[in-house]
Amino acid sequence: MSLGPVVPPFRARFDVAQNPLAARNALGIVPEPLWATTPIAVSALPTPAAELRGKRAFVTDSNTTTFHATVAGGGTNAIGVTCDGTVWYVG
C-alpha cells in the first residue's frame, strides 16, 4: 500500500512553482535589499553596522581591487564588497 510522495507541509500550502515568494515568506526568508543585488557606487552603501555584518554588495567605483582592503570610491573597479560590521572591504 503506497501513500504517494511525502510533501513537506509548507510545500503543500505554498507551491514554489506557482508562488516562489509565498514559500520564502512562510519560511521567514526576507528578500535582500536593493543595494545587495544591484551594482551601486561606494557612496550609496549603507553605513556599516553590526546588523550588516556578513552582508555583501557589488560596487562600480572602487579605488582598489586588493582583497580585504577597505573600499573607497573614486576608482573605476567593479568589485564585490562585504561588511564586517565596522567597514566595507573588498571580497
PDB file of N, CA and C in Angstrom:
ATOM      1  N   MET A   1       0.843  -1.167   0.000  1.00  0.00           N
ATOM      2  CA  MET A   1       0.000   0.000   0.000  1.00  0.00           C
ATOM      3  C   MET A   1       0.900   1.246   0.000  1.00  0.00           C
ATOM      4  N   SER A   2       0.769   2.061  -1.014  1.00  0.00           N
ATOM      5  CA  SER A   2       1.590   3.267  -1.150  1.00  0.00           C
ATOM      6  C   SER A   2       0.757   4.502  -0.835  1.00  0.00           C
ATOM      7  N   LEU A   3       1.360   5.391  -0.084  1.00  0.00           N
ATOM      8  CA  LEU A   3       0.675   6.620   0.262  1.00  0.00           C
ATOM      9  C   LEU A   3       1.057   7.765  -0.673  1.00  0.00           C
ATOM     10  N   GLY A   4       1.975   7.520  -1.612  1.00  0.00           N
ATOM     11  CA  GLY A   4       2.407   8.558  -2.540  1.00  0.00           C
ATOM     12  C   GLY A   4       3.583   9.329  -1.964  1.00  0.00           C
ATOM     13  N   PRO A   5       4.044  10.319  -2.699  1.00  0.00           N
ATOM     14  CA  PRO A   5       5.209  11.075  -2.232  1.00  0.00           C
ATOM     15  C   PRO A   5       4.882  11.922  -0.994  1.00  0.00           C
ATOM     16  N   VAL A   6       5.869  12.057  -0.152  1.00  0.00           N
ATOM     17  CA  VAL A   6       5.698  12.879   1.037  1.00  0.00           C
ATOM     18  C   VAL A   6       6.068  14.315   0.673  1.00  0.00           C
ATOM     19  N   VAL A   7       5.166  15.238   0.947  1.00  0.00           N
ATOM     20  CA  VAL A   7       5.373  16.654   0.628  1.00  0.00           C
ATOM     21  C   VAL A   7       5.499  17.419   1.928  1.00  0.00           C
ATOM     22  N   PRO A   8       6.595  18.199   2.107  1.00  0.00           N
ATOM     23  CA  PRO A   8       6.709  18.990   3.329  1.00  0.00           C
ATOM     24  C   PRO A   8       5.491  19.897   3.498  1.00  0.00           C
ATOM     25  N   PRO A   9       5.067  20.152   4.733  1.00  0.00           N
ATOM     26  CA  PRO A   9       3.850  20.947   4.968  1.00  0.00           C
ATOM     27  C   PRO A   9       3.856  22.311   4.287  1.00  0.00           C
ATOM     28  N   PHE A  10       4.978  23.022   4.328  1.00  0.00           N
ATOM     29  CA  PHE A  10       4.976  24.349   3.691  1.00  0.00           C
ATOM     30  C   PHE A  10       4.838  24.244   2.195  1.00  0.00           C
ATOM     31  N   ARG A  11       5.337  23.172   1.611  1.00  0.00           N
ATOM     32  CA  ARG A  11       5.241  22.984   0.156  1.00  0.00           C
ATOM     33  C   ARG A  11       3.786  22.720  -0.242  1.00  0.00           C
ATOM     34  N   ALA A  12       3.085  21.990   0.602  1.00  0.00           N
ATOM     35  CA  ALA A  12       1.688  21.690   0.294  1.00  0.00           C
ATOM     36  C   ALA A  12       0.848  22.969   0.272  1.00  0.00           C
ATOM     37  N   ARG A  13       1.143  23.913   1.172  1.00  0.00           N
ATOM     38  CA  ARG A  13       0.367  25.146   1.246  1.00  0.00           C
ATOM     39  C   ARG A  13       0.843  26.203   0.263  1.00  0.00           C
ATOM     40  N   PHE A  14       2.157  26.247   0.007  1.00  0.00           N
ATOM     41  CA  PHE A  14       2.734  27.297  -0.832  1.00  0.00           C
ATOM     42  C   PHE A  14       3.567  26.653  -1.927  1.00  0.00           C
ATOM     43  N   ASP A  15       2.969  26.367  -3.032  1.00  0.00           N
ATOM     44  CA  ASP A  15       3.691  25.723  -4.122  1.00  0.00           C
ATOM     45  C   ASP A  15       4.701  26.706  -4.702  1.00  0.00           C
ATOM     46  N   VAL A  16       5.986  26.350  -4.614  1.00  0.00           N
ATOM     47  CA  VAL A  16       7.072  27.226  -5.055  1.00  0.00           C
ATOM     48  C   VAL A  16       6.956  27.556  -6.534  1.00  0.00           C
ATOM     49  N   ALA A  17       6.506  26.606  -7.328  1.00  0.00           N
ATOM     50  CA  ALA A  17       6.392  26.843  -8.769  1.00  0.00           C
ATOM     51  C   ALA A  17       5.323  27.894  -9.073  1.00  0.00           C
ATOM     52  N   GLN A  18       4.284  27.943  -8.261  1.00  0.00           N
ATOM     53  CA  GLN A  18       3.201  28.885  -8.513  1.00  0.00           C
ATOM     54  C   GLN A  18       3.443  30.236  -7.849  1.00  0.00           C
ATOM     55  N   ASN A  19       4.079  30.238  -6.693  1.00  0.00           N
ATOM     56  CA  ASN A  19       4.294  31.486  -5.971  1.00  0.00           C
ATOM     57  C   ASN A  19       5.570  31.392  -5.134  1.00  0.00           C
ATOM     58  N   PRO A  20       6.744  31.621  -5.763  1.00  0.00           N
ATOM     59  CA  PRO A  20       8.003  31.449  -5.036  1.00  0.00           C
ATOM     60  C   PRO A  20       8.137  32.354  -3.812  1.00  0.00           C
ATOM     61  N   LEU A  21       7.600  33.565  -3.843  1.00  0.00           N
ATOM     62  CA  LEU A  21       7.740  34.458  -2.696  1.00  0.00           C
ATOM     63  C   LEU A  21       6.905  33.995  -1.511  1.00  0.00           C
ATOM     64  N   ALA A  22       5.773  33.362  -1.763  1.00  0.00           N
ATOM     65  CA  ALA A  22       4.940  32.888  -0.655  1.00  0.00           C
ATOM     66  C   ALA A  22       5.689  31.847   0.163  1.00  0.00           C
ATOM     67  N   ALA A  23       6.372  30.932  -0.500  1.00  0.00           N
ATOM     68  CA  ALA A  23       7.131  29.903   0.217  1.00  0.00           C
ATOM     69  C   ALA A  23       8.287  30.525   0.976  1.00  0.00           C
ATOM     70  N   ARG A  24       8.993  31.479   0.371  1.00  0.00           N
ATOM     71  CA  ARG A  24      10.109  32.135   1.049  1.00  0.00           C
ATOM     72  C   ARG A  24       9.618  32.890   2.276  1.00  0.00           C
ATOM     73  N   ASN A  25       8.489  33.587   2.147  1.00  0.00           N
ATOM     74  CA  ASN A  25       7.965  34.336   3.275  1.00  0.00           C
ATOM     75  C   ASN A  25       7.469  33.412   4.382  1.00  0.00           C
ATOM     76  N   ALA A  26       6.902  32.274   4.025  1.00  0.00           N
ATOM     77  CA  ALA A  26       6.419  31.311   5.009  1.00  0.00           C
ATOM     78  C   ALA A  26       7.580  30.764   5.836  1.00  0.00           C
ATOM     79  N   LEU A  27       8.758  30.698   5.233  1.00  0.00           N
ATOM     80  CA  LEU A  27       9.933  30.190   5.940  1.00  0.00           C
ATOM     81  C   LEU A  27      10.691  31.298   6.663  1.00  0.00           C
ATOM     82  N   GLY A  28      10.217  32.537   6.555  1.00  0.00           N
ATOM     83  CA  GLY A  28      10.874  33.649   7.218  1.00  0.00           C
ATOM     84  C   GLY A  28      12.069  34.185   6.453  1.00  0.00           C
ATOM     85  N   ILE A  29      12.157  33.881   5.164  1.00  0.00           N
ATOM     86  CA  ILE A  29      13.257  34.371   4.342  1.00  0.00           C
ATOM     87  C   ILE A  29      12.849  35.722   3.777  1.00  0.00           C
ATOM     88  N   VAL A  30      13.594  36.741   4.122  1.00  0.00           N
ATOM     89  CA  VAL A  30      13.283  38.096   3.688  1.00  0.00           C
ATOM     90  C   VAL A  30      14.129  38.431   2.470  1.00  0.00           C
ATOM     91  N   PRO A  31      13.543  38.995   1.426  1.00  0.00           N
ATOM     92  CA  PRO A  31      14.333  39.367   0.250  1.00  0.00           C
ATOM     93  C   PRO A  31      15.433  40.362   0.604  1.00  0.00           C
ATOM     94  N   GLU A  32      16.567  40.257  -0.083  1.00  0.00           N
ATOM     95  CA  GLU A  32      17.678  41.174   0.133  1.00  0.00           C
ATOM     96  C   GLU A  32      17.287  42.580  -0.302  1.00  0.00           C
ATOM     97  N   PRO A  33      17.843  43.601   0.362  1.00  0.00           N
ATOM     98  CA  PRO A  33      17.577  44.969  -0.077  1.00  0.00           C
ATOM     99  C   PRO A  33      18.179  45.218  -1.450  1.00  0.00           C
ATOM    100  N   LEU A  34      17.685  46.229  -2.134  1.00  0.00           N
ATOM    101  CA  LEU A  34      18.117  46.517  -3.496  1.00  0.00           C
ATOM    102  C   LEU A  34      19.620  46.720  -3.597  1.00  0.00           C
ATOM    103  N   TRP A  35      20.259  47.347  -2.591  1.00  0.00           N
ATOM    104  CA  TRP A  35      21.697  47.594  -2.673  1.00  0.00           C
ATOM    105  C   TRP A  35      22.494  46.304  -2.663  1.00  0.00           C
ATOM    106  N   ALA A  36      21.914  45.211  -2.204  1.00  0.00           N
ATOM    107  CA  ALA A  36      22.636  43.941  -2.150  1.00  0.00           C
ATOM    108  C   ALA A  36      22.598  43.193  -3.478  1.00  0.00           C
ATOM    109  N   THR A  37      21.717  43.581  -4.380  1.00  0.00           N
ATOM    110  CA  THR A  37      21.580  42.843  -5.637  1.00  0.00           C
ATOM    111  C   THR A  37      21.834  43.686  -6.883  1.00  0.00           C
ATOM    112  N   THR A  38      21.950  44.988  -6.729  1.00  0.00           N
ATOM    113  CA  THR A  38      22.135  45.891  -7.852  1.00  0.00           C
ATOM    114  C   THR A  38      23.487  46.592  -7.726  1.00  0.00           C
ATOM    115  N   PRO A  39      24.291  46.647  -8.794  1.00  0.00           N
ATOM    116  CA  PRO A  39      25.565  47.369  -8.712  1.00  0.00           C
ATOM    117  C   PRO A  39      25.329  48.843  -8.350  1.00  0.00           C
ATOM    118  N   ILE A  40      26.110  49.339  -7.387  1.00  0.00           N
ATOM    119  CA  ILE A  40      25.941  50.714  -6.914  1.00  0.00           C
ATOM    120  C   ILE A  40      27.299  51.378  -6.719  1.00  0.00           C
ATOM    121  N   ALA A  41      27.284  52.678  -6.493  1.00  0.00           N
ATOM    122  CA  ALA A  41      28.502  53.420  -6.159  1.00  0.00           C
ATOM    123  C   ALA A  41      28.829  53.194  -4.683  1.00  0.00           C
ATOM    124  N   VAL A  42      30.102  53.293  -4.335  1.00  0.00           N
ATOM    125  CA  VAL A  42      30.526  53.111  -2.943  1.00  0.00           C
ATOM    126  C   VAL A  42      29.775  54.079  -2.028  1.00  0.00           C
ATOM    127  N   SER A  43      29.557  55.280  -2.477  1.00  0.00           N
ATOM    128  CA  SER A  43      28.865  56.279  -1.649  1.00  0.00           C
ATOM    129  C   SER A  43      27.424  55.887  -1.327  1.00  0.00           C
ATOM    130  N   ALA A  44      26.843  54.964  -2.088  1.00  0.00           N
ATOM    131  CA  ALA A  44      25.465  54.536  -1.852  1.00  0.00           C
ATOM    132  C   ALA A  44      25.374  53.360  -0.874  1.00  0.00           C
ATOM    133  N   LEU A  45      26.512  52.806  -0.449  1.00  0.00           N
ATOM    134  CA  LEU A  45      26.491  51.713   0.524  1.00  0.00           C
ATOM    135  C   LEU A  45      25.933  52.218   1.850  1.00  0.00           C
ATOM    136  N   PRO A  46      25.178  51.377   2.557  1.00  0.00           N
ATOM    137  CA  PRO A  46      24.701  51.800   3.876  1.00  0.00           C
ATOM    138  C   PRO A  46      25.881  51.917   4.847  1.00  0.00           C
ATOM    139  N   THR A  47      25.733  52.734   5.865  1.00  0.00           N
ATOM    140  CA  THR A  47      26.771  52.877   6.879  1.00  0.00           C
ATOM    141  C   THR A  47      26.972  51.541   7.577  1.00  0.00           C
ATOM    142  N   PRO A  48      28.224  51.085   7.699  1.00  0.00           N
ATOM    143  CA  PRO A  48      28.479  49.793   8.356  1.00  0.00           C
ATOM    144  C   PRO A  48      27.914  49.775   9.780  1.00  0.00           C
ATOM    145  N   ALA A  49      27.317  48.659  10.142  1.00  0.00           N
ATOM    146  CA  ALA A  49      26.737  48.488  11.474  1.00  0.00           C
ATOM    147  C   ALA A  49      26.719  46.999  11.791  1.00  0.00           C
ATOM    148  N   ALA A  50      26.590  46.665  13.052  1.00  0.00           N
ATOM    149  CA  ALA A  50      26.621  45.265  13.479  1.00  0.00           C
ATOM    150  C   ALA A  50      25.593  44.406  12.746  1.00  0.00           C
ATOM    151  N   GLU A  51      24.413  44.943  12.489  1.00  0.00           N
ATOM    152  CA  GLU A  51      23.375  44.149  11.822  1.00  0.00           C
ATOM    153  C   GLU A  51      23.679  43.896  10.348  1.00  0.00           C
ATOM    154  N   LEU A  52      24.668  44.592   9.797  1.00  0.00           N
ATOM    155  CA  LEU A  52      25.061  44.370   8.392  1.00  0.00           C
ATOM    156  C   LEU A  52      26.236  43.407   8.266  1.00  0.00           C
ATOM    157  N   ARG A  53      26.755  42.926   9.372  1.00  0.00           N
ATOM    158  CA  ARG A  53      27.905  42.014   9.340  1.00  0.00           C
ATOM    159  C   ARG A  53      27.617  40.813   8.442  1.00  0.00           C
ATOM    160  N   GLY A  54      28.504  40.600   7.474  1.00  0.00           N
ATOM    161  CA  GLY A  54      28.356  39.487   6.539  1.00  0.00           C
ATOM    162  C   GLY A  54      27.571  39.823   5.287  1.00  0.00           C
ATOM    163  N   LYS A  55      26.929  40.975   5.257  1.00  0.00           N
ATOM    164  CA  LYS A  55      26.168  41.374   4.068  1.00  0.00           C
ATOM    165  C   LYS A  55      27.129  41.734   2.943  1.00  0.00           C
ATOM    166  N   ARG A  56      26.683  41.481   1.724  1.00  0.00           N
ATOM    167  CA  ARG A  56      27.520  41.719   0.554  1.00  0.00           C
ATOM    168  C   ARG A  56      26.838  42.691  -0.388  1.00  0.00           C
ATOM    169  N   ALA A  57      27.657  43.347  -1.202  1.00  0.00           N
ATOM    170  CA  ALA A  57      27.151  44.263  -2.221  1.00  0.00           C
ATOM    171  C   ALA A  57      28.140  44.251  -3.376  1.00  0.00           C
ATOM    172  N   PHE A  58      27.770  44.873  -4.480  1.00  0.00           N
ATOM    173  CA  PHE A  58      28.635  44.983  -5.647  1.00  0.00           C
ATOM    174  C   PHE A  58      28.733  46.448  -6.007  1.00  0.00           C
ATOM    175  N   VAL A  59      29.964  46.985  -5.969  1.00  0.00           N
ATOM    176  CA  VAL A  59      30.156  48.409  -6.251  1.00  0.00           C
ATOM    177  C   VAL A  59      30.823  48.597  -7.611  1.00  0.00           C
ATOM    178  N   THR A  60      30.605  49.757  -8.181  1.00  0.00           N
ATOM    179  CA  THR A  60      31.088  50.019  -9.539  1.00  0.00           C
ATOM    180  C   THR A  60      32.240  51.010  -9.598  1.00  0.00           C
ATOM    181  N   ASP A  61      32.614  51.594  -8.455  1.00  0.00           N
ATOM    182  CA  ASP A  61      33.647  52.638  -8.498  1.00  0.00           C
ATOM    183  C   ASP A  61      34.697  52.496  -7.393  1.00  0.00           C
ATOM    184  N   SER A  62      35.094  51.256  -7.092  1.00  0.00           N
ATOM    185  CA  SER A  62      36.106  51.030  -6.065  1.00  0.00           C
ATOM    186  C   SER A  62      37.460  51.568  -6.518  1.00  0.00           C
ATOM    187  N   ASN A  63      38.228  52.081  -5.561  1.00  0.00           N
ATOM    188  CA  ASN A  63      39.558  52.584  -5.898  1.00  0.00           C
ATOM    189  C   ASN A  63      40.626  51.504  -5.770  1.00  0.00           C
ATOM    190  N   THR A  64      40.244  50.286  -5.370  1.00  0.00           N
ATOM    191  CA  THR A  64      41.205  49.199  -5.210  1.00  0.00           C
ATOM    192  C   THR A  64      40.565  47.855  -5.542  1.00  0.00           C
ATOM    193  N   THR A  65      41.415  46.891  -5.881  1.00  0.00           N
ATOM    194  CA  THR A  65      40.950  45.510  -6.074  1.00  0.00           C
ATOM    195  C   THR A  65      41.694  44.570  -5.127  1.00  0.00           C
ATOM    196  N   THR A  66      42.452  45.126  -4.191  1.00  0.00           N
ATOM    197  CA  THR A  66      43.216  44.324  -3.240  1.00  0.00           C
ATOM    198  C   THR A  66      42.274  43.636  -2.266  1.00  0.00           C
ATOM    199  N   PHE A  67      42.371  42.313  -2.172  1.00  0.00           N
ATOM    200  CA  PHE A  67      41.495  41.538  -1.311  1.00  0.00           C
ATOM    201  C   PHE A  67      41.588  42.014   0.134  1.00  0.00           C
ATOM    202  N   HIS A  68      40.477  42.204   0.745  1.00  0.00           N
ATOM    203  CA  HIS A  68      40.286  42.595   2.138  1.00  0.00           C
ATOM    204  C   HIS A  68      40.745  44.020   2.452  1.00  0.00           C
ATOM    205  N   ALA A  69      40.969  44.828   1.434  1.00  0.00           N
ATOM    206  CA  ALA A  69      41.273  46.246   1.657  1.00  0.00           C
ATOM    207  C   ALA A  69      39.956  46.990   1.878  1.00  0.00           C
ATOM    208  N   THR A  70      39.987  48.008   2.707  1.00  0.00           N
ATOM    209  CA  THR A  70      38.803  48.848   2.915  1.00  0.00           C
ATOM    210  C   THR A  70      38.458  49.531   1.598  1.00  0.00           C
ATOM    211  N   VAL A  71      37.207  49.453   1.214  1.00  0.00           N
ATOM    212  CA  VAL A  71      36.792  50.003  -0.074  1.00  0.00           C
ATOM    213  C   VAL A  71      36.515  51.501   0.046  1.00  0.00           C
ATOM    214  N   ALA A  72      36.872  52.216  -0.995  1.00  0.00           N
ATOM    215  CA  ALA A  72      36.567  53.641  -1.097  1.00  0.00           C
ATOM    216  C   ALA A  72      36.215  53.920  -2.548  1.00  0.00           C
ATOM    217  N   GLY A  73      35.424  54.924  -2.772  1.00  0.00           N
ATOM    218  CA  GLY A  73      35.003  55.271  -4.121  1.00  0.00           C
ATOM    219  C   GLY A  73      36.047  56.089  -4.852  1.00  0.00           C
ATOM    220  N   GLY A  74      35.711  56.463  -6.058  1.00  0.00           N
ATOM    221  CA  GLY A  74      36.577  57.316  -6.850  1.00  0.00           C
ATOM    222  C   GLY A  74      37.394  56.575  -7.878  1.00  0.00           C
ATOM    223  N   GLY A  75      37.275  55.266  -7.921  1.00  0.00           N
ATOM    224  CA  GLY A  75      38.020  54.476  -8.895  1.00  0.00           C
ATOM    225  C   GLY A  75      37.136  54.022 -10.036  1.00  0.00           C
ATOM    226  N   THR A  76      37.642  53.057 -10.780  1.00  0.00           N
ATOM    227  CA  THR A  76      36.892  52.528 -11.924  1.00  0.00           C
ATOM    228  C   THR A  76      36.687  51.028 -11.823  1.00  0.00           C
ATOM    229  N   ASN A  77      36.957  50.450 -10.661  1.00  0.00           N
ATOM    230  CA  ASN A  77      36.870  48.999 -10.493  1.00  0.00           C
ATOM    231  C   ASN A  77      35.488  48.566 -10.031  1.00  0.00           C
ATOM    232  N   ALA A  78      34.924  47.605 -10.721  1.00  0.00           N
ATOM    233  CA  ALA A  78      33.659  46.991 -10.308  1.00  0.00           C
ATOM    234  C   ALA A  78      34.022  45.728  -9.547  1.00  0.00           C
ATOM    235  N   ILE A  79      33.576  45.643  -8.287  1.00  0.00           N
ATOM    236  CA  ILE A  79      34.028  44.543  -7.434  1.00  0.00           C
ATOM    237  C   ILE A  79      33.033  44.266  -6.307  1.00  0.00           C
ATOM    238  N   GLY A  80      33.059  43.045  -5.809  1.00  0.00           N
ATOM    239  CA  GLY A  80      32.211  42.675  -4.682  1.00  0.00           C
ATOM    240  C   GLY A  80      32.815  43.139  -3.373  1.00  0.00           C
ATOM    241  N   VAL A  81      31.960  43.564  -2.451  1.00  0.00           N
ATOM    242  CA  VAL A  81      32.408  44.010  -1.135  1.00  0.00           C
ATOM    243  C   VAL A  81      31.576  43.336  -0.051  1.00  0.00           C
ATOM    244  N   THR A  82      32.150  43.248   1.154  1.00  0.00           N
ATOM    245  CA  THR A  82      31.495  42.622   2.293  1.00  0.00           C
ATOM    246  C   THR A  82      31.617  43.552   3.494  1.00  0.00           C
ATOM    247  N   CYS A  83      30.598  43.572   4.334  1.00  0.00           N
ATOM    248  CA  CYS A  83      30.627  44.390   5.540  1.00  0.00           C
ATOM    249  C   CYS A  83      31.032  43.512   6.723  1.00  0.00           C
ATOM    250  N   ASP A  84      31.972  44.002   7.552  1.00  0.00           N
ATOM    251  CA  ASP A  84      32.349  43.264   8.761  1.00  0.00           C
ATOM    252  C   ASP A  84      31.727  43.873  10.014  1.00  0.00           C
ATOM    253  N   GLY A  85      30.814  44.807   9.818  1.00  0.00           N
ATOM    254  CA  GLY A  85      30.157  45.476  10.926  1.00  0.00           C
ATOM    255  C   GLY A  85      30.790  46.817  11.253  1.00  0.00           C
ATOM    256  N   THR A  86      32.036  47.011  10.777  1.00  0.00           N
ATOM    257  CA  THR A  86      32.750  48.260  11.019  1.00  0.00           C
ATOM    258  C   THR A  86      33.067  48.984   9.727  1.00  0.00           C
ATOM    259  N   VAL A  87      33.494  48.239   8.706  1.00  0.00           N
ATOM    260  CA  VAL A  87      33.848  48.806   7.403  1.00  0.00           C
ATOM    261  C   VAL A  87      33.352  47.888   6.300  1.00  0.00           C
ATOM    262  N   TRP A  88      33.308  48.425   5.084  1.00  0.00           N
ATOM    263  CA  TRP A  88      33.083  47.618   3.888  1.00  0.00           C
ATOM    264  C   TRP A  88      34.465  47.314   3.312  1.00  0.00           C
ATOM    265  N   TYR A  89      34.727  46.060   2.988  1.00  0.00           N
ATOM    266  CA  TYR A  89      36.016  45.697   2.441  1.00  0.00           C
ATOM    267  C   TYR A  89      35.843  44.870   1.166  1.00  0.00           C
ATOM    268  N   VAL A  90      36.893  44.838   0.347  1.00  0.00           N
ATOM    269  CA  VAL A  90      36.879  44.093  -0.913  1.00  0.00           C
ATOM    270  C   VAL A  90      36.896  42.602  -0.583  1.00  0.00           C
ATOM    271  N   GLY A  91      35.998  41.883  -1.205  1.00  0.00           N
ATOM    272  CA  GLY A  91      35.994  40.429  -1.027  1.00  0.00           C
ATOM    273  C   GLY A  91      34.642  39.863  -0.755  1.00  0.00           C
TER     274      GLY A  91
END
